[in-house]
Amino acid sequence: MATYGSDGWKRAIHNIENSPFRTKFEKDVDTMKGNIGIGCISDYDPQPILIQSHLGCFGITTVGKINNADQLIRNLYENGHTHFQSMTNGQINSTELVAALICKKDSFVEGIRYVQSVVEGSMTLLLLTENGIYAARDLLGRTPVVIGKKENAYCVSFESFAYINLGYTDYKELGPGEIVYVTPESVETVSPACEKMRIDFVTPEWVEVVKQPGEEMKICSFLWVYYGYPTSSYEGVGVEEMRYNCGKLLAQRDDHSIDVDIVAGVPDSGIAHAIGYANESGIPYARPFIKYTPTWPRSFMPTTQSQRNLIARMKLIPVHSLIEDRSLLLIDDSIVRGTQLRETTEFLYQSGAKEVHVRPACPPLLYGCKYLNFSRSKSDLDLITRRIIREWEGDNDVNVLSEYADPNSDRYAAMLEEIRKRQNFTSLRYHRLDDLIKSIGIDACQVCTYCFNGVE
């Protein structure tokens, strides 16, 4: 957290990997004076950071991914930037890099627009000054930014549910690339949505060569499938409602072709999908295992995969009377590496299940995300799909991925059968991409589906 008030600038950063947020920040909040501040939960770089510059002192926090960081850093060095202070795992802090780029310009708005134009990947940010907050959504709107309002106050959030219980109501959702300046009295759009720019890297100077308005958006589809909190809403589409729709369409594709006793969702992100399936199919919904959260607050927070797998196992407590001698249909949000779901399946068999049918709520993941840092995958070969494809196709794998993404192809069918066998599922059917888009309910060209089909 970073604030500005009567005592000047204050900042507090804590590791909340294995403890609730409040227990770490309670003492800090008591020492922070004023009526303006920013904060974040960051899986990677420590932030917010405070910067003193020719633009004045400011705090900044970011969400996104910078794929061309090396190039941007090299250009900064060539144009007079001497050093960076913050390092994370041997890498320059991405938020400090963004701050350095902003400071290349003569105003915060110019600097933020500059960042939007040169970052390959995505970049959404909050920038705190002594009098207000600049909020900027990624140029293609891959992540959301929403504004809340109550009497004599405005707030900015990644998700609207964060401020509802604080007395705020929804005011507006920023468009792709939009930049606003927020004070207690007003929200002013200082740069409209989708002003797209391109920078010429051939010359040592940073030169704007193209600037034209547009309406392009590529919001992350995985926000609805998994990352979003159930009460969240993006582009007017509620997460919980979308997940019900996913389950409904999965049931329609099955069309009563399997005989199971109950439908269950892997908690928590699979639950709404499972309820949608149960309501559409008429098969009872039940909870054959319960998530015991006191063991660890969030299983994806630890940095090592083995630790995350251990924590995931610790969380699930079986209800034997709902498992023993039953055929179960299990819905999870996705299959990434396959480790956790395979262990969950074995855990159900060991608890007496006769059959475990699996229905992931999204298509097979074939590409690691290159736009957001939501995934911790270091390589596409972390994905169970890509490991199988590499085994079968060798170095030719990237040339046939489009066939493996096509649910009507022989290669797709063979891949699903191989995953089913390796995971020891009774049957396996993924959500189709066309059904996923239908579940979301907005134009397909406005949704990023890169991780499923490689389309940018």
Protein backbone atom coordinates (compact mmCIF):
# COMPACT_ATOMS: atom_id res chain seq x y z
CA MET A 1 0.00 0.00 0.00
CA ALA A 2 1.09 3.60 -0.64
CA THR A 3 -0.63 6.74 0.63
CA TYR A 4 -0.18 10.50 0.69
CA GLY A 5 -1.46 12.66 3.53
CA SER A 6 -0.58 15.12 6.26
CA ASP A 7 2.54 13.14 7.13
CA GLY A 8 3.68 12.96 3.51
CA TRP A 9 4.28 9.74 1.60
CA LYS A 10 3.87 6.38 3.32
CA ARG A 11 4.39 2.88 1.97
CA ALA A 12 4.03 -0.65 3.36
CA ILE A 13 4.81 -3.94 1.60
CA HIS A 14 4.35 -7.37 3.19
CA ASN A 15 4.42 -11.00 2.10
CA ILE A 16 0.89 -12.38 2.53
CA GLU A 17 1.61 -15.80 1.03
CA ASN A 18 0.54 -17.67 4.16
CA SER A 19 -1.44 -15.16 6.19
CA PRO A 20 -4.50 -12.95 5.76
CA PHE A 21 -4.01 -9.44 4.39
CA ARG A 22 -5.41 -7.69 7.47
CA THR A 23 -3.02 -9.28 9.96
CA LYS A 24 -0.02 -7.91 8.07
CA PHE A 25 -1.27 -4.39 7.35
CA GLU A 26 -3.35 -3.53 10.43
CA LYS A 27 -0.55 -1.62 12.17
CA ASP A 28 0.47 0.16 8.97
CA VAL A 29 -3.02 1.45 8.28
CA ASP A 30 -3.11 3.11 11.71
CA THR A 31 -0.03 5.18 10.79
CA MET A 32 -1.24 6.25 7.33
CA LYS A 33 -2.87 9.69 7.33
CA GLY A 34 -4.80 11.27 4.50
CA ASN A 35 -7.53 10.53 1.99
CA ILE A 36 -5.69 9.16 -1.04
CA GLY A 37 -3.79 5.93 -1.67
CA ILE A 38 -3.25 2.89 -3.86
CA GLY A 39 -2.59 -0.78 -3.17
CA CYS A 40 -2.25 -4.16 -4.84
CA ILE A 41 -1.68 -7.86 -4.34
CA SER A 42 1.28 -8.77 -6.51
CA ASP A 43 2.52 -12.31 -7.16
CA TYR A 44 5.79 -11.08 -8.61
CA ASP A 45 7.34 -7.65 -8.06
CA PRO A 46 7.12 -5.83 -4.71
CA GLN A 47 4.84 -2.84 -5.30
CA PRO A 48 3.56 -0.10 -5.17
CA ILE A 49 6.82 1.78 -5.55
CA LEU A 50 7.49 5.48 -4.84
CA ILE A 51 9.35 7.58 -7.40
CA GLN A 52 10.90 11.05 -7.21
CA SER A 53 11.19 12.55 -10.71
CA HIS A 54 11.04 15.72 -12.78
CA LEU A 55 7.27 15.16 -12.87
CA GLY A 56 7.19 15.23 -9.07
CA CYS A 57 6.86 12.46 -6.50
CA PHE A 58 4.42 9.69 -7.32
CA GLY A 59 3.43 6.15 -6.39
CA ILE A 60 2.69 3.51 -8.99
CA THR A 61 1.37 -0.06 -9.19
CA THR A 62 0.86 -2.17 -12.30
CA VAL A 63 -0.85 -5.32 -13.61
CA GLY A 64 0.40 -6.80 -16.85
CA LYS A 65 3.28 -8.40 -18.66
CA ILE A 66 6.21 -6.82 -20.53
CA ASN A 67 7.59 -9.18 -23.17
CA ASN A 68 10.03 -6.65 -24.63
CA ALA A 69 11.52 -5.52 -21.31
CA ASP A 70 15.10 -6.10 -22.46
CA GLN A 71 14.60 -3.90 -25.49
CA LEU A 72 12.92 -1.15 -23.47
CA ILE A 73 15.70 -1.21 -20.85
CA ARG A 74 18.38 -1.09 -23.54
CA ASN A 75 16.72 1.94 -25.17
CA LEU A 76 16.48 3.69 -21.80
CA TYR A 77 20.19 3.15 -21.13
CA GLU A 78 21.06 4.46 -24.60
CA ASN A 79 19.04 7.60 -23.93
CA GLY A 80 20.59 8.59 -20.61
CA HIS A 81 18.91 6.42 -17.95
CA THR A 82 21.72 5.28 -15.65
CA HIS A 83 20.34 2.63 -13.31
CA PHE A 84 17.41 0.78 -11.75
CA GLN A 85 17.14 0.17 -8.04
CA SER A 86 14.62 -2.66 -7.61
CA MET A 87 15.35 -6.24 -8.62
CA THR A 88 13.12 -9.32 -8.33
CA ASN A 89 14.72 -12.73 -8.88
CA GLY A 90 17.52 -11.10 -10.85
CA GLN A 91 15.13 -9.10 -13.05
CA ILE A 92 14.42 -5.38 -13.01
CA ASN A 93 11.15 -4.62 -11.26
CA SER A 94 8.56 -4.23 -14.03
CA THR A 95 6.77 -1.43 -12.21
CA GLU A 96 10.01 0.56 -11.91
CA LEU A 97 10.58 0.05 -15.63
CA VAL A 98 7.11 1.45 -16.34
CA ALA A 99 7.84 4.42 -14.06
CA ALA A 100 11.09 5.11 -15.94
CA LEU A 101 9.25 5.11 -19.26
CA ILE A 102 6.61 7.50 -17.92
CA CYS A 103 9.34 9.88 -16.77
CA LYS A 104 10.71 10.12 -20.33
CA LYS A 105 7.78 12.42 -21.13
CA ASP A 106 6.70 15.89 -20.00
CA SER A 107 3.48 14.90 -18.24
CA PHE A 108 1.92 11.88 -16.58
CA VAL A 109 -0.70 11.51 -19.32
CA GLU A 110 1.92 11.61 -22.09
CA GLY A 111 4.04 9.17 -20.13
CA ILE A 112 1.22 6.69 -19.58
CA ARG A 113 0.19 6.83 -23.23
CA TYR A 114 3.82 6.28 -24.11
CA VAL A 115 3.92 3.14 -21.94
CA GLN A 116 0.73 1.84 -23.57
CA SER A 117 2.29 2.30 -26.98
CA VAL A 118 5.68 0.64 -26.41
CA VAL A 119 4.92 -2.29 -24.09
CA GLU A 120 4.51 -5.59 -25.90
CA GLY A 121 2.15 -7.64 -23.75
CA SER A 122 -0.21 -5.65 -21.57
CA MET A 123 -0.10 -2.89 -19.00
CA THR A 124 -2.81 -1.58 -16.67
CA LEU A 125 -1.75 0.81 -13.92
CA LEU A 126 -2.60 3.19 -11.09
CA LEU A 127 -0.44 6.27 -10.55
CA LEU A 128 -0.81 8.19 -7.28
CA THR A 129 0.01 11.89 -7.03
CA GLU A 130 -0.47 14.29 -4.12
CA ASN A 131 -3.84 15.46 -5.47
CA GLY A 132 -5.31 12.56 -7.43
CA ILE A 133 -4.92 9.15 -9.05
CA TYR A 134 -4.36 8.38 -12.72
CA ALA A 135 -5.95 5.07 -13.72
CA ALA A 136 -5.12 3.54 -17.10
CA ARG A 137 -6.50 0.40 -18.66
CA ASP A 138 -4.35 -1.73 -20.95
CA LEU A 139 -4.43 -0.58 -24.58
CA LEU A 140 -6.46 -3.63 -25.65
CA GLY A 141 -8.40 -3.91 -22.40
CA ARG A 142 -7.00 -7.33 -21.49
CA THR A 143 -7.62 -6.54 -17.82
CA PRO A 144 -10.51 -4.48 -16.41
CA VAL A 145 -10.56 -1.19 -14.51
CA VAL A 146 -13.75 0.00 -12.82
CA ILE A 147 -14.61 3.20 -10.94
CA GLY A 148 -16.82 3.28 -7.86
CA LYS A 149 -18.57 6.31 -6.40
CA LYS A 150 -20.07 7.42 -3.11
CA GLU A 151 -20.66 10.82 -1.52
CA ASN A 152 -17.47 12.93 -1.67
CA ALA A 153 -15.36 10.01 -2.87
CA TYR A 154 -14.36 7.89 -5.86
CA CYS A 155 -12.36 4.68 -5.95
CA VAL A 156 -10.65 2.58 -8.62
CA SER A 157 -10.52 -1.21 -8.64
CA PHE A 158 -9.61 -4.22 -10.75
CA GLU A 159 -13.01 -5.68 -9.80
CA SER A 160 -16.20 -3.98 -8.67
CA PHE A 161 -17.01 -6.32 -5.78
CA ALA A 162 -13.98 -4.94 -3.90
CA TYR A 163 -15.76 -1.68 -3.06
CA ILE A 164 -19.45 -2.59 -2.85
CA ASN A 165 -19.40 -3.32 0.91
CA LEU A 166 -17.57 -0.03 1.50
CA GLY A 167 -20.62 1.93 0.38
CA TYR A 168 -19.58 2.60 -3.21
CA THR A 169 -21.75 2.00 -6.27
CA ASP A 170 -20.60 1.39 -9.84
CA TYR A 171 -19.76 4.59 -11.69
CA LYS A 172 -18.04 3.50 -14.91
CA GLU A 173 -15.83 0.86 -16.49
CA LEU A 174 -12.84 2.18 -18.41
CA GLY A 175 -12.60 1.39 -22.09
CA PRO A 176 -9.50 -0.18 -23.66
CA GLY A 177 -6.60 2.26 -23.39
CA GLU A 178 -8.63 4.85 -21.49
CA ILE A 179 -6.86 7.03 -18.92
CA VAL A 180 -8.76 8.89 -16.22
CA TYR A 181 -7.74 11.28 -13.46
CA VAL A 182 -9.61 10.63 -10.22
CA THR A 183 -10.05 13.05 -7.30
CA PRO A 184 -12.56 12.99 -4.42
CA GLU A 185 -14.71 15.37 -6.47
CA SER A 186 -14.55 14.04 -10.02
CA VAL A 187 -13.41 11.51 -12.62
CA GLU A 188 -11.97 13.14 -15.72
CA THR A 189 -11.09 11.25 -18.90
CA VAL A 190 -7.72 12.66 -19.88
CA SER A 191 -7.09 10.23 -22.76
CA PRO A 192 -9.98 8.46 -24.50
CA ALA A 193 -10.20 4.75 -25.16
CA CYS A 194 -8.07 3.12 -27.83
CA GLU A 195 -5.75 5.83 -29.03
CA LYS A 196 -3.27 3.46 -30.65
CA MET A 197 0.33 4.44 -31.26
CA ARG A 198 3.43 2.79 -32.66
CA ILE A 199 7.05 3.63 -31.88
CA ASP A 200 9.94 3.46 -34.33
CA PHE A 201 12.85 1.59 -32.71
CA VAL A 202 15.17 1.98 -35.70
CA THR A 203 16.37 5.40 -34.58
CA PRO A 204 17.71 6.00 -31.06
CA GLU A 205 14.99 8.56 -30.40
CA TRP A 206 11.52 7.56 -29.29
CA VAL A 207 9.33 8.78 -32.16
CA GLU A 208 5.57 8.49 -32.44
CA VAL A 209 4.83 7.57 -36.05
CA VAL A 210 1.22 6.40 -35.97
CA LYS A 211 -1.69 7.65 -33.86
CA GLN A 212 -5.23 6.73 -34.75
CA PRO A 213 -8.45 5.97 -32.85
CA GLY A 214 -9.95 2.50 -32.81
CA GLU A 215 -12.38 0.25 -30.98
CA GLU A 216 -10.37 -2.95 -30.64
CA MET A 217 -10.59 -4.91 -27.38
CA LYS A 218 -9.10 -8.25 -26.36
CA ILE A 219 -10.26 -8.88 -22.80
CA CYS A 220 -8.96 -12.10 -21.25
CA SER A 221 -11.54 -14.90 -21.52
CA PHE A 222 -9.94 -16.70 -18.56
CA LEU A 223 -11.17 -13.92 -16.25
CA TRP A 224 -14.63 -15.44 -16.51
CA VAL A 225 -13.54 -19.07 -16.55
CA TYR A 226 -11.23 -19.00 -13.54
CA TYR A 227 -9.47 -15.85 -12.33
CA GLY A 228 -12.51 -13.69 -11.63
CA TYR A 229 -14.27 -13.72 -8.29
CA PRO A 230 -17.84 -15.08 -8.63
CA THR A 231 -19.46 -11.71 -7.87
CA SER A 232 -17.34 -9.87 -10.44
CA SER A 233 -18.62 -8.53 -13.74
CA TYR A 234 -16.60 -7.63 -16.83
CA GLU A 235 -18.01 -5.73 -19.79
CA GLY A 236 -21.46 -6.20 -18.25
CA VAL A 237 -21.14 -10.00 -18.06
CA GLY A 238 -21.22 -11.51 -14.58
CA VAL A 239 -18.69 -14.23 -13.74
CA GLU A 240 -21.17 -16.46 -11.93
CA GLU A 241 -23.72 -16.20 -14.74
CA MET A 242 -21.09 -16.99 -17.36
CA ARG A 243 -20.01 -20.09 -15.42
CA TYR A 244 -23.61 -21.31 -15.19
CA ASN A 245 -23.79 -20.90 -18.97
CA CYS A 246 -20.60 -22.93 -19.38
CA GLY A 247 -22.05 -25.82 -17.40
CA LYS A 248 -25.32 -25.60 -19.29
CA LEU A 249 -23.61 -25.87 -22.67
CA LEU A 250 -21.37 -28.71 -21.46
CA ALA A 251 -24.52 -30.61 -20.47
CA GLN A 252 -26.10 -29.93 -23.84
CA ARG A 253 -23.02 -31.32 -25.61
CA ASP A 254 -23.20 -34.48 -23.48
CA ASP A 255 -26.96 -34.76 -24.19
CA HIS A 256 -27.53 -37.42 -21.51
CA SER A 257 -24.89 -39.67 -23.10
CA ILE A 258 -23.34 -40.64 -19.76
CA ASP A 259 -24.90 -42.22 -16.70
CA VAL A 260 -23.65 -40.62 -13.48
CA ASP A 261 -25.06 -40.28 -9.98
CA ILE A 262 -23.97 -36.72 -9.16
CA VAL A 263 -22.34 -33.64 -10.68
CA ALA A 264 -19.61 -31.94 -8.65
CA GLY A 265 -17.37 -28.93 -9.12
CA VAL A 266 -13.75 -28.71 -8.01
CA PRO A 267 -13.93 -25.94 -5.40
CA ASP A 268 -14.12 -23.09 -5.79
CA SER A 269 -13.90 -22.15 -9.45
CA GLY A 270 -15.64 -25.28 -10.75
CA ILE A 271 -18.72 -25.02 -8.54
CA ALA A 272 -20.84 -22.63 -10.63
CA HIS A 273 -19.99 -24.56 -13.79
CA ALA A 274 -21.19 -27.76 -12.08
CA ILE A 275 -24.43 -26.17 -10.90
CA GLY A 276 -25.14 -25.03 -14.45
CA TYR A 277 -24.52 -28.57 -15.71
CA ALA A 278 -26.74 -30.10 -13.03
CA ASN A 279 -29.62 -27.68 -13.65
CA GLU A 280 -29.54 -28.35 -17.39
CA SER A 281 -29.07 -32.13 -17.21
CA GLY A 282 -31.30 -32.91 -14.23
CA ILE A 283 -28.48 -34.86 -12.57
CA PRO A 284 -28.22 -33.94 -8.86
CA TYR A 285 -25.50 -31.53 -7.79
CA ALA A 286 -23.53 -32.54 -4.70
CA ARG A 287 -20.27 -31.79 -2.92
CA PRO A 288 -18.29 -35.04 -2.54
CA PHE A 289 -15.36 -33.10 -1.11
CA ILE A 290 -15.15 -29.88 0.85
CA LYS A 291 -12.49 -27.21 0.64
CA TYR A 292 -10.84 -26.66 4.03
CA THR A 293 -9.31 -23.20 3.66
CA PRO A 294 -7.54 -22.72 7.03
CA THR A 295 -4.67 -24.91 5.76
CA TRP A 296 -3.66 -22.19 3.28
CA PRO A 297 -5.53 -19.19 1.88
CA ARG A 298 -4.68 -19.54 -1.83
CA SER A 299 -3.08 -22.60 -3.47
CA PHE A 300 -1.56 -20.67 -6.39
CA MET A 301 0.35 -18.21 -4.20
CA PRO A 302 3.50 -20.30 -3.50
CA THR A 303 6.20 -19.98 -6.14
CA THR A 304 6.95 -23.69 -6.60
CA GLN A 305 4.59 -26.09 -8.34
CA SER A 306 5.29 -28.93 -5.88
CA GLN A 307 4.27 -26.74 -2.96
CA ARG A 308 1.09 -25.65 -4.73
CA ASN A 309 0.22 -29.31 -5.41
CA LEU A 310 0.74 -30.21 -1.76
CA ILE A 311 -1.46 -27.35 -0.58
CA ALA A 312 -4.20 -28.28 -3.06
CA ARG A 313 -4.27 -31.81 -1.61
CA MET A 314 -4.36 -30.50 1.95
CA LYS A 315 -7.44 -28.44 1.19
CA LEU A 316 -9.79 -31.17 -0.05
CA ILE A 317 -11.63 -33.23 2.57
CA PRO A 318 -13.73 -36.14 1.23
CA VAL A 319 -17.37 -36.84 2.07
CA HIS A 320 -17.26 -40.63 1.76
CA SER A 321 -21.00 -41.17 1.74
CA LEU A 322 -21.27 -39.12 -1.46
CA ILE A 323 -18.33 -40.86 -3.13
CA GLU A 324 -18.44 -44.55 -2.28
CA ASP A 325 -19.87 -46.71 -5.08
CA ARG A 326 -20.90 -43.59 -7.01
CA SER A 327 -20.26 -42.48 -10.58
CA LEU A 328 -19.21 -38.83 -10.50
CA LEU A 329 -19.05 -36.14 -13.13
CA LEU A 330 -16.41 -33.64 -12.10
CA ILE A 331 -16.06 -30.12 -13.54
CA ASP A 332 -12.86 -28.14 -13.08
CA ASP A 333 -12.12 -24.73 -14.56
CA SER A 334 -9.26 -26.09 -16.69
CA ILE A 335 -6.51 -28.67 -17.04
CA VAL A 336 -3.08 -27.04 -17.13
CA ARG A 337 -0.26 -29.41 -16.16
CA GLY A 338 -2.71 -32.13 -15.16
CA THR A 339 -1.02 -32.83 -11.84
CA GLN A 340 -3.66 -31.59 -9.41
CA LEU A 341 -6.69 -32.98 -11.25
CA ARG A 342 -5.06 -36.40 -11.63
CA GLU A 343 -4.37 -36.49 -7.90
CA THR A 344 -7.94 -35.37 -7.19
CA THR A 345 -9.22 -38.19 -9.38
CA GLU A 346 -7.05 -40.75 -7.59
CA PHE A 347 -8.22 -39.35 -4.29
CA LEU A 348 -11.85 -39.95 -5.37
CA TYR A 349 -11.08 -43.52 -6.48
CA GLN A 350 -9.33 -44.21 -3.18
CA SER A 351 -12.44 -42.90 -1.43
CA GLY A 352 -14.59 -45.47 -3.24
CA ALA A 353 -15.74 -43.80 -6.47
CA LYS A 354 -16.70 -46.18 -9.29
CA GLU A 355 -16.22 -43.71 -12.14
CA VAL A 356 -14.90 -40.19 -12.54
CA HIS A 357 -15.97 -38.34 -15.68
CA VAL A 358 -14.27 -34.98 -16.25
CA ARG A 359 -15.55 -31.88 -18.04
CA PRO A 360 -13.09 -28.93 -18.05
CA ALA A 361 -14.89 -25.59 -18.36
CA CYS A 362 -12.61 -24.31 -21.12
CA PRO A 363 -10.96 -25.74 -24.25
CA PRO A 364 -7.56 -27.45 -24.09
CA LEU A 365 -4.80 -24.99 -23.21
CA LEU A 366 -2.27 -25.09 -26.06
CA TYR A 367 -0.32 -21.87 -25.52
CA GLY A 368 1.09 -20.22 -22.41
CA CYS A 369 -0.29 -16.70 -21.96
CA LYS A 370 2.04 -14.02 -23.30
CA TYR A 371 -0.15 -11.11 -22.31
CA LEU A 372 -0.74 -11.50 -18.57
CA ASN A 373 1.27 -12.80 -15.61
CA PHE A 374 -1.68 -14.82 -14.28
CA SER A 375 0.02 -18.10 -15.24
CA ARG A 376 3.25 -19.31 -13.65
CA SER A 377 4.10 -21.63 -16.53
CA LYS A 378 7.72 -21.18 -17.59
CA SER A 379 7.27 -23.02 -20.90
CA ASP A 380 4.49 -24.22 -23.18
CA LEU A 381 5.76 -27.72 -22.43
CA ASP A 382 4.44 -27.28 -18.87
CA LEU A 383 1.02 -27.85 -20.47
CA ILE A 384 -0.08 -31.48 -20.61
CA THR A 385 -1.40 -30.94 -24.15
CA ARG A 386 1.91 -29.64 -25.47
CA ARG A 387 3.91 -32.43 -23.86
CA ILE A 388 1.77 -35.01 -25.61
CA ILE A 389 1.90 -33.16 -28.93
CA ARG A 390 5.69 -32.85 -28.71
CA GLU A 391 5.98 -36.61 -28.03
CA TRP A 392 3.89 -37.38 -31.10
CA GLU A 393 4.99 -34.66 -33.53
CA GLY A 394 8.54 -33.83 -32.43
CA ASP A 395 9.90 -30.53 -33.73
CA ASN A 396 6.95 -30.30 -36.11
CA ASP A 397 4.55 -29.72 -33.20
CA VAL A 398 4.08 -25.96 -33.72
CA ASN A 399 3.05 -26.53 -37.34
CA VAL A 400 0.06 -28.71 -36.48
CA LEU A 401 -1.30 -26.96 -33.39
CA SER A 402 -4.27 -25.61 -35.32
CA GLU A 403 -5.44 -29.19 -35.88
CA TYR A 404 -5.12 -30.00 -32.18
CA ALA A 405 -7.23 -26.91 -31.44
CA ASP A 406 -10.00 -28.05 -33.80
CA PRO A 407 -12.58 -30.12 -31.85
CA ASN A 408 -13.66 -31.79 -35.10
CA SER A 409 -10.21 -33.10 -36.07
CA ASP A 410 -8.74 -36.56 -35.59
CA ARG A 411 -5.67 -35.10 -33.88
CA TYR A 412 -7.89 -33.34 -31.30
CA ALA A 413 -9.78 -36.58 -30.58
CA ALA A 414 -6.54 -38.55 -30.20
CA MET A 415 -5.09 -35.94 -27.84
CA LEU A 416 -8.19 -36.03 -25.60
CA GLU A 417 -8.11 -39.81 -25.44
CA GLU A 418 -4.42 -39.75 -24.48
CA ILE A 419 -5.09 -37.18 -21.74
CA ARG A 420 -8.01 -39.27 -20.50
CA LYS A 421 -5.85 -42.37 -20.20
CA ARG A 422 -2.94 -40.61 -18.53
CA GLN A 423 -5.25 -38.88 -16.05
CA ASN A 424 -7.28 -42.06 -15.43
CA PHE A 425 -10.62 -40.39 -16.20
CA THR A 426 -13.58 -42.54 -17.16
CA SER A 427 -14.43 -40.03 -19.89
CA LEU A 428 -13.21 -36.57 -20.90
CA ARG A 429 -14.87 -33.79 -22.86
CA TYR A 430 -13.58 -30.22 -22.93
CA HIS A 431 -15.70 -27.11 -23.36
CA ARG A 432 -15.59 -26.07 -27.02
CA LEU A 433 -14.25 -22.63 -27.91
CA ASP A 434 -17.41 -21.64 -29.75
CA ASP A 435 -19.44 -22.64 -26.69
CA LEU A 436 -17.06 -20.69 -24.43
CA ILE A 437 -17.61 -17.52 -26.48
CA LYS A 438 -21.36 -18.18 -26.39
CA SER A 439 -21.16 -18.57 -22.60
CA ILE A 440 -19.53 -15.14 -22.28
CA GLY A 441 -21.99 -13.55 -24.65
CA ILE A 442 -19.89 -10.77 -26.20
CA ASP A 443 -18.44 -10.53 -29.69
CA ALA A 444 -15.73 -13.14 -30.27
CA CYS A 445 -13.38 -10.54 -31.77
CA GLN A 446 -13.39 -8.66 -28.44
CA VAL A 447 -12.24 -11.65 -26.38
CA CYS A 448 -8.66 -12.94 -26.14
CA THR A 449 -8.52 -16.68 -26.82
CA TYR A 450 -4.77 -16.93 -27.47
CA CYS A 451 -4.17 -19.70 -24.91
CA PHE A 452 -6.69 -21.94 -26.71
CA ASN A 453 -6.03 -21.30 -30.40
CA GLY A 454 -2.96 -19.05 -30.66
CA VAL A 455 -4.95 -16.23 -32.27
CA GLU A 456 -3.56 -12.83 -31.22
